Amino acid sequence: MKTNEELRQDVLAEIQMEPLTSPIATQIGVATKEGVVTLSGLVDTYGQKLAAEQAAQRVAGVAVVAVDLEVKLLHEHQRNDTEIAEAAMNALKWHSAVNEDAIEIKVDNGWVYLDGVVEFDYLKKAAEIGLRNLTGIRGISNRIVVKPDVVASKDIKISITKALHRSAAVDAANIHVDVVGSKVKLTGKVRSLAEKTDAENASWSMPGVQEVENKVQVDTEL
């Protein structure tokens, strides 16, 4: 098992290697304690904040990432709420996967709020991903509700189990899937936080899933 300092150095190295965060890596502080990583400091864009979090999640030995990064926009990146809202609506309009008429956008002090109803979680995620790199945003609250068509619980379980076994990124043998109605519960142990996230994403990708409770534990000694 890595020591706290070894894990800290690995996270710092991953942040320095990430193209989005490499230019501002010295602005990001990393603290570690028994697999819990805390990121602090200043970043120039919301995209950099997300990239730093994702970089930390990729490191072996990381169980939890707490993000305490502040987005401090450069002068040339600053936009008012109206400009951001217009840019967000245009971005959704050109995103082939998302029906912009189903999504409502509000902007308050640079923070984007998304509301609406979609059938699949990937559409909810696509709406957010399409806006992450917009100039001037400080954050996104994705409040879009997923209301899928009704699918039998046993069919959902079978589909998720098969997806986990197909995935090269997930050790399906250590993950147990339970489904009640449209709610999925994942339990078991995996080797990394990234593997835990991949298992959850695989569950969300199945038709009929409205909620995923991810109780999978990260055990770096597997």
Protein backbone atom coordinates (compact mmCIF):
# COMPACT_ATOMS: atom_id res chain seq x y z
CA MET A 1 0.00 0.00 0.00
CA LYS A 2 1.24 3.50 -0.82
CA THR A 3 2.11 5.91 1.94
CA ASN A 4 0.24 9.22 2.07
CA GLU A 5 3.26 11.01 0.60
CA GLU A 6 3.69 8.48 -2.21
CA LEU A 7 0.02 8.86 -3.14
CA ARG A 8 0.32 12.64 -2.99
CA GLN A 9 3.29 12.61 -5.36
CA ASP A 10 1.48 10.30 -7.78
CA VAL A 11 -1.56 12.61 -7.86
CA LEU A 12 0.65 15.65 -8.42
CA ALA A 13 2.42 13.86 -11.27
CA GLU A 14 -0.91 12.95 -12.91
CA ILE A 15 -2.12 16.56 -12.67
CA GLN A 16 1.15 17.75 -14.22
CA MET A 17 0.72 15.26 -17.08
CA GLU A 18 -2.88 16.25 -17.80
CA PRO A 19 -2.84 18.74 -20.74
CA LEU A 20 -5.57 20.99 -19.29
CA THR A 21 -4.01 21.28 -15.85
CA SER A 22 -0.31 21.16 -16.74
CA PRO A 23 -0.03 24.97 -17.21
CA ILE A 24 -1.53 25.66 -13.76
CA ALA A 25 -0.34 22.56 -11.87
CA THR A 26 1.65 24.67 -9.41
CA GLN A 27 -1.59 26.41 -8.37
CA ILE A 28 -3.16 23.15 -7.20
CA GLY A 29 -2.49 21.80 -3.73
CA VAL A 30 -2.86 18.09 -2.96
CA ALA A 31 -3.41 16.58 0.49
CA THR A 32 -3.78 12.85 1.10
CA LYS A 33 -4.86 10.71 4.02
CA GLU A 34 -5.57 6.98 3.79
CA GLY A 35 -6.78 7.11 0.19
CA VAL A 36 -8.73 10.36 0.55
CA VAL A 37 -7.37 13.08 -1.73
CA THR A 38 -8.22 16.76 -1.27
CA LEU A 39 -7.52 19.23 -4.07
CA SER A 40 -7.29 22.92 -3.21
CA GLY A 41 -6.16 26.16 -4.81
CA LEU A 42 -7.10 28.22 -7.86
CA VAL A 43 -7.81 27.26 -11.47
CA ASP A 44 -8.49 29.49 -14.46
CA THR A 45 -11.48 27.63 -15.91
CA TYR A 46 -14.20 25.20 -14.91
CA GLY A 47 -12.77 22.73 -17.42
CA GLN A 48 -9.47 22.75 -15.52
CA LYS A 49 -11.29 22.07 -12.26
CA LEU A 50 -12.96 18.97 -13.73
CA ALA A 51 -9.72 17.82 -15.36
CA ALA A 52 -7.87 18.01 -12.03
CA GLU A 53 -10.56 15.92 -10.34
CA GLN A 54 -10.51 13.32 -13.11
CA ALA A 55 -6.71 13.17 -13.03
CA ALA A 56 -6.78 12.40 -9.30
CA GLN A 57 -9.43 9.71 -9.80
CA ARG A 58 -7.21 7.88 -12.29
CA VAL A 59 -4.40 7.33 -9.77
CA ALA A 60 -4.17 3.87 -8.21
CA GLY A 61 -4.76 4.01 -4.47
CA VAL A 62 -7.25 6.90 -4.55
CA ALA A 63 -10.53 6.02 -2.86
CA VAL A 64 -12.20 9.45 -2.60
CA VAL A 65 -11.51 12.84 -4.18
CA ALA A 66 -12.66 16.00 -2.40
CA VAL A 67 -12.50 19.07 -4.62
CA ASP A 68 -11.95 22.44 -2.97
CA LEU A 69 -10.75 24.26 -6.07
CA GLU A 70 -11.91 27.79 -6.82
CA VAL A 71 -12.46 28.93 -10.40
CA LYS A 72 -10.92 32.39 -10.72
CA LEU A 73 -11.59 33.52 -14.27
CA LEU A 74 -8.97 35.50 -16.14
CA HIS A 75 -10.17 38.90 -17.34
CA GLU A 76 -10.33 37.75 -20.96
CA HIS A 77 -12.50 34.77 -19.94
CA GLN A 78 -15.14 36.74 -18.08
CA ARG A 79 -18.67 36.85 -19.50
CA ASN A 80 -21.98 38.12 -18.14
CA ASP A 81 -24.86 35.74 -17.43
CA THR A 82 -26.75 36.64 -20.61
CA GLU A 83 -23.73 35.89 -22.79
CA ILE A 84 -23.18 32.56 -21.03
CA ALA A 85 -26.86 31.58 -21.37
CA GLU A 86 -26.83 32.36 -25.10
CA ALA A 87 -23.63 30.39 -25.62
CA ALA A 88 -25.07 27.45 -23.65
CA MET A 89 -28.27 27.40 -25.71
CA ASN A 90 -26.26 27.49 -28.94
CA ALA A 91 -24.04 24.66 -27.72
CA LEU A 92 -27.05 22.45 -26.98
CA LYS A 93 -28.62 23.35 -30.31
CA TRP A 94 -25.60 22.01 -32.17
CA HIS A 95 -25.26 18.90 -30.01
CA SER A 96 -26.87 16.12 -32.03
CA ALA A 97 -27.60 13.89 -29.01
CA VAL A 98 -29.53 16.49 -27.03
CA ASN A 99 -32.98 17.92 -27.73
CA GLU A 100 -32.49 21.52 -26.62
CA ASP A 101 -36.27 21.97 -26.29
CA ALA A 102 -36.25 19.44 -23.41
CA ILE A 103 -33.62 21.37 -21.43
CA GLU A 104 -34.06 24.63 -19.53
CA ILE A 105 -30.95 26.74 -18.88
CA LYS A 106 -30.53 29.31 -16.13
CA VAL A 107 -27.34 31.22 -15.29
CA ASP A 108 -26.61 32.95 -12.02
CA ASN A 109 -23.26 34.67 -11.46
CA GLY A 110 -21.54 32.40 -13.96
CA TRP A 111 -23.07 29.20 -12.56
CA VAL A 112 -25.16 27.23 -15.07
CA TYR A 113 -28.28 25.33 -13.92
CA LEU A 114 -29.77 22.64 -16.16
CA ASP A 115 -33.37 21.44 -15.71
CA GLY A 116 -35.60 19.18 -17.75
CA VAL A 117 -36.53 15.54 -18.36
CA VAL A 118 -34.76 12.97 -20.57
CA GLU A 119 -35.17 9.22 -21.11
CA PHE A 120 -31.53 8.18 -20.66
CA ASP A 121 -28.72 9.14 -18.33
CA TYR A 122 -26.30 9.51 -21.25
CA LEU A 123 -28.47 12.38 -22.53
CA LYS A 124 -28.29 14.05 -19.10
CA LYS A 125 -24.51 13.70 -19.13
CA ALA A 126 -24.25 14.84 -22.76
CA ALA A 127 -26.06 18.09 -21.98
CA GLU A 128 -23.54 18.88 -19.24
CA ILE A 129 -20.47 17.74 -21.15
CA GLY A 130 -21.42 19.98 -24.06
CA LEU A 131 -21.21 23.04 -21.80
CA ARG A 132 -18.15 22.27 -19.67
CA ASN A 133 -15.68 24.22 -21.77
CA LEU A 134 -17.80 27.30 -22.37
CA THR A 135 -15.90 30.50 -21.70
CA GLY A 136 -16.90 32.30 -18.51
CA ILE A 137 -18.67 29.56 -16.56
CA ARG A 138 -17.78 28.88 -12.93
CA GLY A 139 -19.72 25.64 -12.51
CA ILE A 140 -22.67 23.51 -13.60
CA SER A 141 -25.55 22.09 -11.56
CA ASN A 142 -27.15 19.31 -13.57
CA ARG A 143 -30.68 18.91 -12.23
CA ILE A 144 -32.04 17.11 -15.28
CA VAL A 145 -34.34 14.22 -14.32
CA VAL A 146 -34.03 10.81 -15.98
CA LYS A 147 -37.42 9.17 -16.57
CA PRO A 148 -36.84 6.04 -18.67
CA ASP A 149 -39.32 3.68 -20.24
CA VAL A 150 -40.35 0.83 -17.94
CA VAL A 151 -38.08 -2.24 -18.21
CA ALA A 152 -38.32 -5.40 -16.09
CA SER A 153 -35.85 -5.51 -13.18
CA LYS A 154 -34.46 -8.90 -14.20
CA ASP A 155 -33.74 -7.61 -17.72
CA ILE A 156 -31.91 -4.59 -16.32
CA LYS A 157 -29.80 -6.83 -14.07
CA ILE A 158 -28.91 -9.17 -16.91
CA SER A 159 -27.94 -6.26 -19.19
CA ILE A 160 -25.74 -4.61 -16.54
CA THR A 161 -24.03 -7.87 -15.59
CA LYS A 162 -23.21 -8.59 -19.22
CA ALA A 163 -21.90 -5.04 -19.71
CA LEU A 164 -19.61 -5.35 -16.68
CA HIS A 165 -18.22 -8.66 -17.96
CA ARG A 166 -17.55 -7.11 -21.38
CA SER A 167 -15.69 -4.16 -19.91
CA ALA A 168 -11.90 -4.37 -19.89
CA ALA A 169 -11.79 -1.64 -17.23
CA VAL A 170 -13.91 -3.46 -14.62
CA ASP A 171 -13.33 -6.70 -12.71
CA ALA A 172 -16.92 -7.90 -12.83
CA ALA A 173 -16.24 -10.90 -10.60
CA ASN A 174 -15.97 -8.60 -7.57
CA ILE A 175 -19.14 -6.59 -8.23
CA HIS A 176 -22.67 -7.64 -7.26
CA VAL A 177 -25.71 -6.12 -8.98
CA ASP A 178 -29.15 -5.81 -7.37
CA VAL A 179 -32.13 -4.22 -9.12
CA VAL A 180 -35.46 -3.23 -7.61
CA GLY A 181 -37.79 -1.54 -10.06
CA SER A 182 -35.66 1.03 -11.87
CA LYS A 183 -33.12 1.38 -9.03
CA VAL A 184 -29.73 -0.33 -9.29
CA LYS A 185 -27.52 -1.08 -6.28
CA LEU A 186 -23.87 -1.99 -6.77
CA THR A 187 -21.81 -3.63 -4.03
CA GLY A 188 -18.43 -5.34 -3.83
CA LYS A 189 -14.81 -4.27 -4.10
CA VAL A 190 -12.64 -2.85 -6.89
CA ARG A 191 -9.02 -1.79 -7.20
CA SER A 192 -9.48 1.91 -8.01
CA LEU A 193 -11.91 4.82 -7.92
CA ALA A 194 -11.85 4.89 -11.72
CA GLU A 195 -13.04 1.26 -11.80
CA LYS A 196 -15.85 2.10 -9.37
CA THR A 197 -16.91 4.99 -11.63
CA ASP A 198 -16.78 2.80 -14.75
CA ALA A 199 -19.09 0.27 -13.08
CA GLU A 200 -21.58 3.01 -12.26
CA ASN A 201 -21.44 4.44 -15.78
CA ALA A 202 -22.08 0.98 -17.21
CA SER A 203 -25.19 0.71 -15.02
CA TRP A 204 -26.49 4.13 -16.04
CA SER A 205 -26.13 3.25 -19.72
CA MET A 206 -28.81 0.56 -19.52
CA PRO A 207 -32.40 1.31 -20.62
CA GLY A 208 -34.87 1.49 -17.74
CA VAL A 209 -32.38 2.70 -15.09
CA GLN A 210 -33.54 5.74 -13.11
CA GLU A 211 -31.26 5.55 -10.07
CA VAL A 212 -27.88 3.98 -9.25
CA GLU A 213 -26.66 3.49 -5.67
CA ASN A 214 -22.94 2.79 -5.88
CA LYS A 215 -21.82 1.07 -2.65
CA VAL A 216 -18.74 -0.49 -4.24
CA GLN A 217 -15.66 -0.10 -2.03
CA VAL A 218 -12.17 0.72 -3.26
CA ASP A 219 -9.60 -1.79 -2.01
CA THR A 220 -6.14 -1.05 -3.41
CA GLU A 221 -4.81 -4.39 -2.11
CA LEU A 222 -6.98 -6.54 -4.42
